[in-house]
Amino acid sequence: MAFALVGLIATSLPGAAGKLPAIIGINAAAAAEKTTPLVIAHVAPTTGRFALHAEADRRGAEMAIDEFNARGGVLGREIVLFSRDPSLDAKQSARVAEELITQTKVGFMIGAISSGVAASMSAVCQKHGVLFINTNSSAPSESVEDAHRTKFVFDAHGANFYRALIKYALANKKSKRVLLLTENNAWGRGNAEATRRYIAESGGAVVGEVLAPEALPDPLDVLKRVAAIPADVVVTSISGDNQIKLFAQIDPQILERQSWIVGEVDWEELYPAPGTPRPLFGTTWAWNLRTPGTAEFVARYRKRYGHTKLNYPGDVTHAAYLATKALLTAIERAGTTENSALIQQLENYRRTASEGMQNNDAYMDPVSHHVQQTVYIARWNPHATRPELGIEILGQVPPEQVRFEREKTTQLESPADTPRYTP
């Protein structure tokens, strides 16, 4: 009907006969653009030690996309999500990103999980002007050295967690000797670097550092090296399945005599090993928080995934849901998928405590492109009758008290040096 009306108007105008194909072509192109699905690539390592995290991340993105598609998509376009495993190899991740952009013609990329993957893929995205939404990876470098104009980081990172945890752990200790146990990769080293400042601020002293290999073939060897250095507190930056391997070998009495803290423990690291002890840790959300919207979100998740592995949602799913929702809302508000308009929208991103299911409002730092949000201090009861009952929240710290100071000096590419991209 719309095309018939265009044809009628065109033929009734003087000299319009020769212009009819062009007019129809313009409207056909506009109609085609409106009906073409908006393709989003979810990129996360679906095999290896972050496989469960990747699944949880994808579920969060799916929940947000389902909300928008249920009311007609975004700008009249259906949203299609597909997954791609970039592996944990930086060069392979870069090749995958290049292929997704130049061959698959994706609109946006979301995911990461691994900070190394995020750094590699987002550099390629920046080269093409494609927005990369880092839903879940927590190296401080993601919002400093590896930040980009087209990348937005939605997870809290190690510096945020350790700033809260170290102050809490050292507050009432007379002796404040601190040992660093660090995974030997960009994420671990970045956490350790940020941690040293917070240890000094809390009156502590670093007495040594043990570097653990990224593959962690022998946790017992690492634990022997830790035991050889007298310390009151052990600050642990070990991620993914390595965390399960490490703490499965620790005598629980050690954790009673000596304070251990882990910057972040994801639900995906607790669920597979409910009987494994964990020390004090940080998180951005837990299913049992008594915050507005949490119960409803959990109910929606369990209706869809309650019969599967990970039958309760955790912080990874929560972050991916909010990040994907932020991207789609930005498109709606901008009225376009053009990247510069979306970057402006995301730089002004705000969410209320209720919208984030947290205790405080959160906001995007326009300098670092990193969401500033509440951090929760938690512990784990390995004797709980069911895994989902093991998480205990001890307190919460508002965004400004966990902010990473180095983000104030982050240098992003200029808008002029960022290619235009409109999927």
Protein backbone atom coordinates (compact mmCIF):
# COMPACT_ATOMS: atom_id res chain seq x y z
CA MET A 1 0.00 0.00 0.00
CA ALA A 2 2.83 2.39 0.85
CA PHE A 3 4.59 1.71 -2.45
CA ALA A 4 1.30 2.15 -4.39
CA LEU A 5 0.79 5.54 -2.76
CA VAL A 6 4.32 6.64 -3.64
CA GLY A 7 3.74 5.60 -7.28
CA LEU A 8 0.43 7.50 -7.45
CA ILE A 9 1.97 10.71 -6.12
CA ALA A 10 4.97 10.39 -8.42
CA THR A 11 2.98 9.92 -11.65
CA SER A 12 0.71 12.89 -10.87
CA LEU A 13 3.61 15.35 -10.74
CA PRO A 14 4.90 17.20 -13.83
CA GLY A 15 7.93 15.44 -15.28
CA ALA A 16 7.72 12.70 -12.66
CA ALA A 17 7.61 9.71 -14.97
CA GLY A 18 11.38 9.42 -15.29
CA LYS A 19 11.86 9.76 -11.53
CA LEU A 20 9.53 6.95 -10.51
CA PRO A 21 12.14 4.15 -10.35
CA ALA A 22 14.42 6.31 -8.22
CA ILE A 23 11.62 7.19 -5.79
CA ILE A 24 10.55 3.57 -5.52
CA GLY A 25 14.18 2.56 -5.05
CA ILE A 26 14.67 4.99 -2.17
CA ASN A 27 11.57 3.78 -0.38
CA ALA A 28 12.38 0.15 -1.05
CA ALA A 29 15.82 0.68 0.45
CA ALA A 30 14.31 2.35 3.51
CA ALA A 31 11.79 -0.47 3.92
CA ALA A 32 14.51 -3.09 3.49
CA GLU A 33 16.69 -1.41 6.12
CA LYS A 34 13.78 -1.37 8.57
CA THR A 35 13.03 -5.06 8.06
CA THR A 36 16.65 -6.28 7.96
CA PRO A 37 17.47 -8.00 11.25
CA LEU A 38 19.96 -6.31 13.52
CA VAL A 39 22.71 -8.88 14.00
CA ILE A 40 24.66 -8.97 17.27
CA ALA A 41 27.59 -11.33 17.72
CA HIS A 42 28.11 -12.79 21.17
CA VAL A 43 31.83 -13.52 21.40
CA ALA A 44 33.07 -15.56 24.34
CA PRO A 45 35.22 -18.68 24.82
CA THR A 46 32.67 -21.51 24.82
CA THR A 47 35.32 -24.15 25.47
CA GLY A 48 37.98 -24.31 28.17
CA ARG A 49 38.05 -22.80 31.61
CA PHE A 50 35.55 -20.01 30.87
CA ALA A 51 32.93 -22.17 29.11
CA LEU A 52 30.38 -21.89 31.92
CA HIS A 53 30.92 -18.14 32.14
CA ALA A 54 30.31 -17.83 28.38
CA GLU A 55 27.02 -19.68 28.70
CA ALA A 56 25.90 -17.49 31.61
CA ASP A 57 26.89 -14.36 29.68
CA ARG A 58 24.95 -15.42 26.60
CA ARG A 59 21.85 -16.06 28.71
CA GLY A 60 21.92 -12.53 30.06
CA ALA A 61 22.15 -11.12 26.53
CA GLU A 62 19.29 -13.40 25.41
CA MET A 63 17.04 -12.18 28.22
CA ALA A 64 17.55 -8.54 27.22
CA ILE A 65 17.04 -9.25 23.51
CA ASP A 66 13.89 -11.25 24.22
CA GLU A 67 12.42 -8.22 26.00
CA PHE A 68 12.98 -5.98 22.99
CA ASN A 69 11.88 -8.51 20.38
CA ALA A 70 8.66 -9.13 22.34
CA ARG A 71 7.69 -5.52 21.67
CA GLY A 72 8.78 -5.40 18.04
CA GLY A 73 12.57 -5.30 18.15
CA VAL A 74 14.46 -2.02 17.97
CA LEU A 75 13.60 0.66 15.40
CA GLY A 76 11.28 -1.92 13.87
CA ARG A 77 14.11 -4.42 13.33
CA GLU A 78 14.23 -7.90 14.81
CA ILE A 79 17.35 -8.50 16.90
CA VAL A 80 19.27 -11.67 16.09
CA LEU A 81 21.96 -12.98 18.44
CA PHE A 82 24.48 -15.59 17.40
CA SER A 83 27.52 -16.92 19.22
CA ARG A 84 31.11 -17.27 18.10
CA ASP A 85 33.98 -18.77 20.07
CA PRO A 86 37.05 -16.52 19.63
CA SER A 87 39.22 -18.91 21.70
CA LEU A 88 41.58 -17.58 24.37
CA ASP A 89 44.31 -16.83 21.85
CA ALA A 90 44.73 -13.09 21.17
CA LYS A 91 45.72 -13.49 17.51
CA GLN A 92 42.86 -15.87 16.79
CA SER A 93 40.44 -13.52 18.57
CA ALA A 94 41.57 -10.67 16.33
CA ARG A 95 41.06 -12.81 13.22
CA VAL A 96 37.55 -13.75 14.37
CA ALA A 97 36.67 -10.09 14.96
CA GLU A 98 37.92 -9.11 11.50
CA GLU A 99 35.89 -11.89 9.90
CA LEU A 100 32.71 -11.00 11.80
CA ILE A 101 32.95 -7.39 10.67
CA THR A 102 34.13 -7.75 7.06
CA GLN A 103 32.40 -11.01 6.08
CA THR A 104 29.47 -11.64 8.44
CA LYS A 105 28.68 -7.91 8.58
CA VAL A 106 27.63 -7.92 12.23
CA GLY A 107 26.14 -4.81 13.75
CA PHE A 108 27.69 -5.04 17.20
CA MET A 109 29.80 -7.35 19.34
CA ILE A 110 29.11 -8.19 22.96
CA GLY A 111 30.73 -10.53 25.47
CA ALA A 112 34.43 -11.24 26.03
CA ILE A 113 34.73 -12.89 29.51
CA SER A 114 38.51 -13.01 29.05
CA SER A 115 40.19 -9.61 29.24
CA GLY A 116 42.77 -10.74 26.70
CA VAL A 117 39.98 -11.56 24.26
CA ALA A 118 38.33 -8.20 24.96
CA ALA A 119 41.54 -6.28 24.35
CA SER A 120 42.28 -8.09 21.09
CA MET A 121 38.79 -8.00 19.58
CA SER A 122 37.96 -4.47 20.66
CA ALA A 123 41.10 -3.13 18.94
CA VAL A 124 39.81 -4.58 15.67
CA CYS A 125 36.34 -3.15 16.35
CA GLN A 126 37.85 0.29 16.91
CA LYS A 127 39.64 0.07 13.55
CA HIS A 128 36.26 -0.41 11.83
CA GLY A 129 34.12 1.74 14.13
CA VAL A 130 32.09 -1.22 15.42
CA LEU A 131 30.79 -0.94 18.99
CA PHE A 132 32.15 -3.58 21.37
CA ILE A 133 30.16 -4.06 24.58
CA ASN A 134 32.42 -5.75 27.13
CA THR A 135 29.82 -7.42 29.30
CA ASN A 136 32.12 -9.40 31.58
CA SER A 137 35.85 -9.14 31.91
CA SER A 138 37.59 -7.55 34.82
CA ALA A 139 41.15 -6.44 34.08
CA PRO A 140 41.72 -2.81 35.12
CA SER A 141 43.53 -2.31 31.80
CA GLU A 142 40.21 -2.66 29.96
CA SER A 143 39.29 0.87 31.00
CA VAL A 144 42.79 2.36 30.88
CA GLU A 145 45.50 1.04 28.50
CA ASP A 146 43.10 -1.06 26.40
CA ALA A 147 40.17 1.37 26.39
CA HIS A 148 38.70 2.51 23.06
CA ARG A 149 36.18 5.05 21.85
CA THR A 150 33.99 2.19 20.56
CA LYS A 151 34.32 -0.05 23.65
CA PHE A 152 32.15 0.13 26.78
CA VAL A 153 32.94 -1.96 29.87
CA PHE A 154 30.06 -3.05 32.11
CA ASP A 155 31.67 -5.35 34.71
CA ALA A 156 33.44 -4.03 37.78
CA HIS A 157 37.14 -4.85 37.60
CA GLY A 158 39.84 -6.03 39.95
CA ALA A 159 40.83 -2.54 41.12
CA ASN A 160 37.23 -1.86 42.21
CA PHE A 161 36.95 -5.15 44.07
CA TYR A 162 40.32 -4.99 45.77
CA ARG A 163 39.88 -1.40 46.89
CA ALA A 164 36.80 -2.52 48.85
CA LEU A 165 38.14 -5.87 50.03
CA ILE A 166 41.61 -4.83 51.19
CA LYS A 167 40.25 -2.06 53.36
CA TYR A 168 37.77 -4.53 54.87
CA ALA A 169 40.35 -7.30 55.38
CA LEU A 170 43.06 -5.11 56.94
CA ALA A 171 40.82 -2.91 59.07
CA ASN A 172 41.23 -4.75 62.38
CA LYS A 173 44.57 -6.49 61.88
CA LYS A 174 47.57 -5.52 63.99
CA SER A 175 50.02 -7.20 61.64
CA LYS A 176 49.42 -6.31 58.01
CA ARG A 177 51.85 -8.38 55.95
CA VAL A 178 50.32 -8.99 52.54
CA LEU A 179 51.30 -11.59 49.96
CA LEU A 180 50.12 -11.36 46.35
CA LEU A 181 49.12 -14.55 44.54
CA THR A 182 48.81 -13.52 40.91
CA GLU A 183 47.74 -15.29 37.74
CA ASN A 184 50.46 -14.56 35.22
CA ASN A 185 48.41 -12.79 32.55
CA ALA A 186 47.23 -9.25 31.81
CA TRP A 187 44.23 -9.58 34.11
CA GLY A 188 46.23 -10.89 37.07
CA ARG A 189 49.16 -8.52 36.69
CA GLY A 190 46.82 -5.55 36.27
CA ASN A 191 45.00 -6.47 39.46
CA ALA A 192 48.26 -6.84 41.38
CA GLU A 193 49.50 -3.45 40.21
CA ALA A 194 46.30 -1.72 41.35
CA THR A 195 46.28 -3.67 44.61
CA ARG A 196 49.65 -2.42 45.84
CA ARG A 197 48.34 1.11 46.21
CA TYR A 198 45.31 0.02 48.22
CA ILE A 199 47.46 -2.13 50.50
CA ALA A 200 49.62 0.89 51.30
CA GLU A 201 46.56 3.10 51.86
CA SER A 202 45.26 0.60 54.44
CA GLY A 203 48.59 0.48 56.29
CA GLY A 204 49.71 -2.86 54.87
CA ALA A 205 53.04 -3.93 53.40
CA VAL A 206 53.60 -6.30 50.47
CA VAL A 207 56.01 -9.02 51.60
CA GLY A 208 56.15 -10.94 48.33
CA GLU A 209 54.38 -12.09 45.19
CA VAL A 210 53.83 -15.59 43.80
CA LEU A 211 53.08 -15.78 40.07
CA ALA A 212 50.84 -18.69 39.09
CA PRO A 213 50.97 -19.96 35.48
CA GLU A 214 47.83 -19.24 33.49
CA ALA A 215 47.23 -22.95 32.86
CA LEU A 216 47.86 -23.76 36.56
CA PRO A 217 48.96 -27.40 36.01
CA ASP A 218 50.03 -27.89 39.65
CA PRO A 219 48.13 -25.91 42.33
CA LEU A 220 50.08 -27.68 45.09
CA ASP A 221 53.36 -26.23 43.85
CA VAL A 222 51.85 -22.74 43.94
CA LEU A 223 50.49 -23.30 47.45
CA LYS A 224 53.91 -24.48 48.67
CA ARG A 225 55.46 -21.26 47.42
CA VAL A 226 52.74 -19.25 49.16
CA ALA A 227 53.26 -21.13 52.43
CA ALA A 228 56.99 -20.35 52.35
CA ILE A 229 56.35 -16.60 52.74
CA PRO A 230 54.95 -15.51 56.14
CA ALA A 231 51.93 -13.29 55.60
CA ASP A 232 48.75 -12.25 57.38
CA VAL A 233 46.69 -11.68 54.25
CA VAL A 234 46.90 -13.35 50.82
CA VAL A 235 45.45 -11.31 47.97
CA THR A 236 44.49 -13.79 45.26
CA SER A 237 43.97 -13.01 41.58
CA ILE A 238 43.12 -16.42 40.12
CA SER A 239 40.27 -16.77 37.61
CA GLY A 240 37.83 -19.24 36.11
CA ASP A 241 38.30 -22.96 36.65
CA ASN A 242 41.78 -22.25 38.03
CA GLN A 243 40.07 -20.89 41.10
CA ILE A 244 38.26 -24.19 41.62
CA LYS A 245 41.50 -26.15 41.16
CA LEU A 246 43.39 -23.93 43.61
CA PHE A 247 40.90 -23.85 46.47
CA ALA A 248 40.12 -27.55 46.14
CA GLN A 249 43.72 -28.12 47.31
CA ILE A 250 43.71 -25.67 50.23
CA ASP A 251 43.30 -26.99 53.75
CA PRO A 252 40.28 -25.09 55.19
CA GLN A 253 42.28 -24.56 58.40
CA ILE A 254 44.69 -22.37 56.43
CA LEU A 255 41.81 -20.09 55.51
CA GLU A 256 40.85 -19.90 59.19
CA ARG A 257 44.36 -18.98 60.36
CA GLN A 258 45.25 -16.69 57.48
CA SER A 259 43.03 -14.13 55.73
CA TRP A 260 42.67 -14.79 52.01
CA ILE A 261 40.72 -12.55 49.66
CA VAL A 262 39.78 -13.00 46.01
CA GLY A 263 38.94 -9.90 44.00
CA GLU A 264 35.97 -11.48 42.27
CA VAL A 265 34.34 -14.88 42.50
CA ASP A 266 31.68 -15.45 39.88
CA TRP A 267 28.69 -17.69 40.52
CA GLU A 268 30.05 -19.82 37.66
CA GLU A 269 33.08 -20.62 39.82
CA LEU A 270 30.99 -21.51 42.87
CA TYR A 271 28.21 -23.55 41.29
CA PRO A 272 30.38 -26.43 39.95
CA ALA A 273 32.20 -26.95 43.27
CA PRO A 274 29.78 -26.29 46.14
CA GLY A 275 31.92 -28.06 48.73
CA THR A 276 35.11 -26.17 47.90
CA PRO A 277 35.97 -23.42 50.42
CA ARG A 278 36.38 -19.82 49.28
CA PRO A 279 37.78 -16.81 51.11
CA LEU A 280 36.32 -13.31 51.25
CA PHE A 281 35.42 -12.09 47.77
CA GLY A 282 33.72 -9.35 45.79
CA THR A 283 30.78 -9.42 43.39
CA THR A 284 28.43 -6.99 41.68
CA TRP A 285 25.22 -8.93 42.25
CA ALA A 286 23.79 -12.11 43.73
CA TRP A 287 20.43 -13.76 43.22
CA ASN A 288 19.54 -13.45 46.94
CA LEU A 289 20.01 -9.68 47.23
CA ARG A 290 16.96 -7.92 48.63
CA THR A 291 17.11 -5.18 46.03
CA PRO A 292 14.25 -3.94 43.83
CA GLY A 293 13.77 -6.03 40.73
CA THR A 294 15.98 -8.92 41.82
CA ALA A 295 13.19 -11.36 42.70
CA GLU A 296 11.42 -10.67 39.39
CA PHE A 297 14.63 -11.10 37.39
CA VAL A 298 15.39 -14.40 39.14
CA ALA A 299 11.85 -15.64 38.46
CA ARG A 300 12.17 -14.83 34.75
CA TYR A 301 15.52 -16.56 34.56
CA ARG A 302 14.30 -19.68 36.36
CA LYS A 303 11.24 -19.93 34.16
CA ARG A 304 13.51 -20.22 31.14
CA TYR A 305 16.67 -21.86 32.53
CA GLY A 306 15.63 -23.36 35.87
CA HIS A 307 15.80 -26.91 34.52
CA THR A 308 19.39 -26.52 33.27
CA LYS A 309 22.89 -26.33 34.65
CA LEU A 310 23.21 -22.93 36.37
CA ASN A 311 19.57 -23.03 37.46
CA TYR A 312 19.97 -19.68 39.26
CA PRO A 313 21.39 -16.51 37.70
CA GLY A 314 24.62 -14.97 38.90
CA ASP A 315 26.64 -11.81 38.46
CA VAL A 316 27.79 -12.72 34.93
CA THR A 317 24.23 -13.11 33.65
CA HIS A 318 23.20 -9.94 35.48
CA ALA A 319 26.00 -7.86 33.90
CA ALA A 320 25.38 -9.20 30.39
CA TYR A 321 21.65 -8.49 30.70
CA LEU A 322 22.19 -4.89 31.78
CA ALA A 323 24.93 -4.28 29.17
CA THR A 324 22.84 -5.61 26.28
CA LYS A 325 19.81 -3.69 27.48
CA ALA A 326 21.94 -0.52 27.63
CA LEU A 327 23.02 -0.97 24.00
CA LEU A 328 19.48 -1.57 22.72
CA THR A 329 18.08 1.32 24.75
CA ALA A 330 20.78 3.59 23.31
CA ILE A 331 19.66 2.62 19.79
CA GLU A 332 16.05 3.41 20.64
CA ARG A 333 16.92 6.78 22.13
CA ALA A 334 19.26 7.76 19.32
CA GLY A 335 16.76 6.65 16.67
CA THR A 336 19.64 5.23 14.65
CA THR A 337 22.32 2.54 14.68
CA GLU A 338 25.02 5.03 13.61
CA ASN A 339 27.99 4.57 15.93
CA SER A 340 28.77 8.17 16.85
CA ALA A 341 25.19 8.75 18.00
CA LEU A 342 25.28 5.54 20.06
CA ILE A 343 28.63 6.42 21.61
CA GLN A 344 27.15 9.70 22.79
CA GLN A 345 24.14 7.91 24.26
CA LEU A 346 26.29 5.33 26.07
CA GLU A 347 28.66 7.96 27.43
CA ASN A 348 25.62 9.46 29.15
CA TYR A 349 24.38 6.07 30.40
CA ARG A 350 22.77 6.15 33.82
CA ARG A 351 20.75 3.56 35.66
CA THR A 352 18.91 3.82 38.94
CA ALA A 353 19.52 1.40 41.78
CA SER A 354 16.19 -0.24 40.92
CA GLU A 355 17.06 -0.62 37.24
CA GLY A 356 20.38 -2.20 38.16
CA MET A 357 18.97 -4.35 40.99
CA GLN A 358 21.69 -2.88 43.23
CA ASN A 359 21.82 -0.57 46.25
CA ASN A 360 23.12 2.50 44.46
CA ASP A 361 22.71 4.25 41.13
CA ALA A 362 25.33 3.43 38.49
CA TYR A 363 26.74 5.53 35.66
CA MET A 364 29.12 5.35 32.72
CA ASP A 365 32.39 7.22 33.15
CA PRO A 366 32.62 9.17 29.87
CA VAL A 367 36.42 9.34 30.14
CA SER A 368 37.13 5.61 30.57
CA HIS A 369 33.88 4.11 29.17
CA HIS A 370 33.59 1.97 32.32
CA VAL A 371 30.41 1.64 34.40
CA GLN A 372 30.87 2.80 38.00
CA GLN A 373 28.70 0.64 40.23
CA THR A 374 28.14 -0.93 43.64
CA VAL A 375 30.54 -3.63 44.84
CA TYR A 376 29.36 -6.26 47.32
CA ILE A 377 31.58 -7.97 49.87
CA ALA A 378 30.65 -11.64 50.20
CA ARG A 379 31.68 -14.97 51.61
CA TRP A 380 30.85 -18.57 50.78
CA ASN A 381 29.45 -21.32 52.96
CA PRO A 382 30.80 -24.59 51.47
CA HIS A 383 28.50 -26.62 53.73
CA ALA A 384 25.23 -25.21 52.36
CA THR A 385 22.71 -27.88 51.42
CA ARG A 386 22.39 -26.44 47.90
CA PRO A 387 24.90 -24.31 45.95
CA GLU A 388 22.55 -21.34 45.59
CA LEU A 389 22.29 -21.12 49.38
CA GLY A 390 26.04 -20.71 49.87
CA ILE A 391 26.44 -17.03 48.96
CA GLU A 392 26.33 -14.68 51.93
CA ILE A 393 26.46 -10.91 51.40
CA LEU A 394 28.33 -9.08 54.17
CA GLY A 395 28.09 -5.52 52.94
CA GLN A 396 28.08 -3.13 50.00
CA VAL A 397 30.33 -0.28 48.93
CA PRO A 398 29.02 2.57 46.70
CA PRO A 399 30.65 3.41 43.36
CA GLU A 400 32.67 6.44 44.41
CA GLN A 401 34.38 4.49 47.18
CA VAL A 402 35.67 1.81 44.80
CA ARG A 403 36.54 3.98 41.83
CA PHE A 404 39.88 3.30 40.10
CA GLU A 405 41.77 6.59 40.09
CA ARG A 406 43.76 5.86 36.92
CA GLU A 407 40.55 5.97 34.87
CA LYS A 408 40.54 9.74 35.26
CA THR A 409 43.46 9.88 32.81
CA THR A 410 42.28 7.32 30.24
CA GLN A 411 42.99 8.41 26.67
CA LEU A 412 40.40 7.36 24.08
CA GLU A 413 40.67 7.82 20.33
CA SER A 414 39.10 11.06 19.18
CA PRO A 415 35.70 10.99 17.43
CA ALA A 416 37.45 12.24 14.28
CA ASP A 417 39.81 9.26 14.34
CA THR A 418 36.98 6.76 14.81
CA PRO A 419 35.48 5.43 11.54
CA ARG A 420 31.74 5.84 11.02
CA TYR A 421 29.75 2.61 11.06
CA THR A 422 25.98 2.19 10.65
CA PRO A 423 24.76 -1.43 10.68
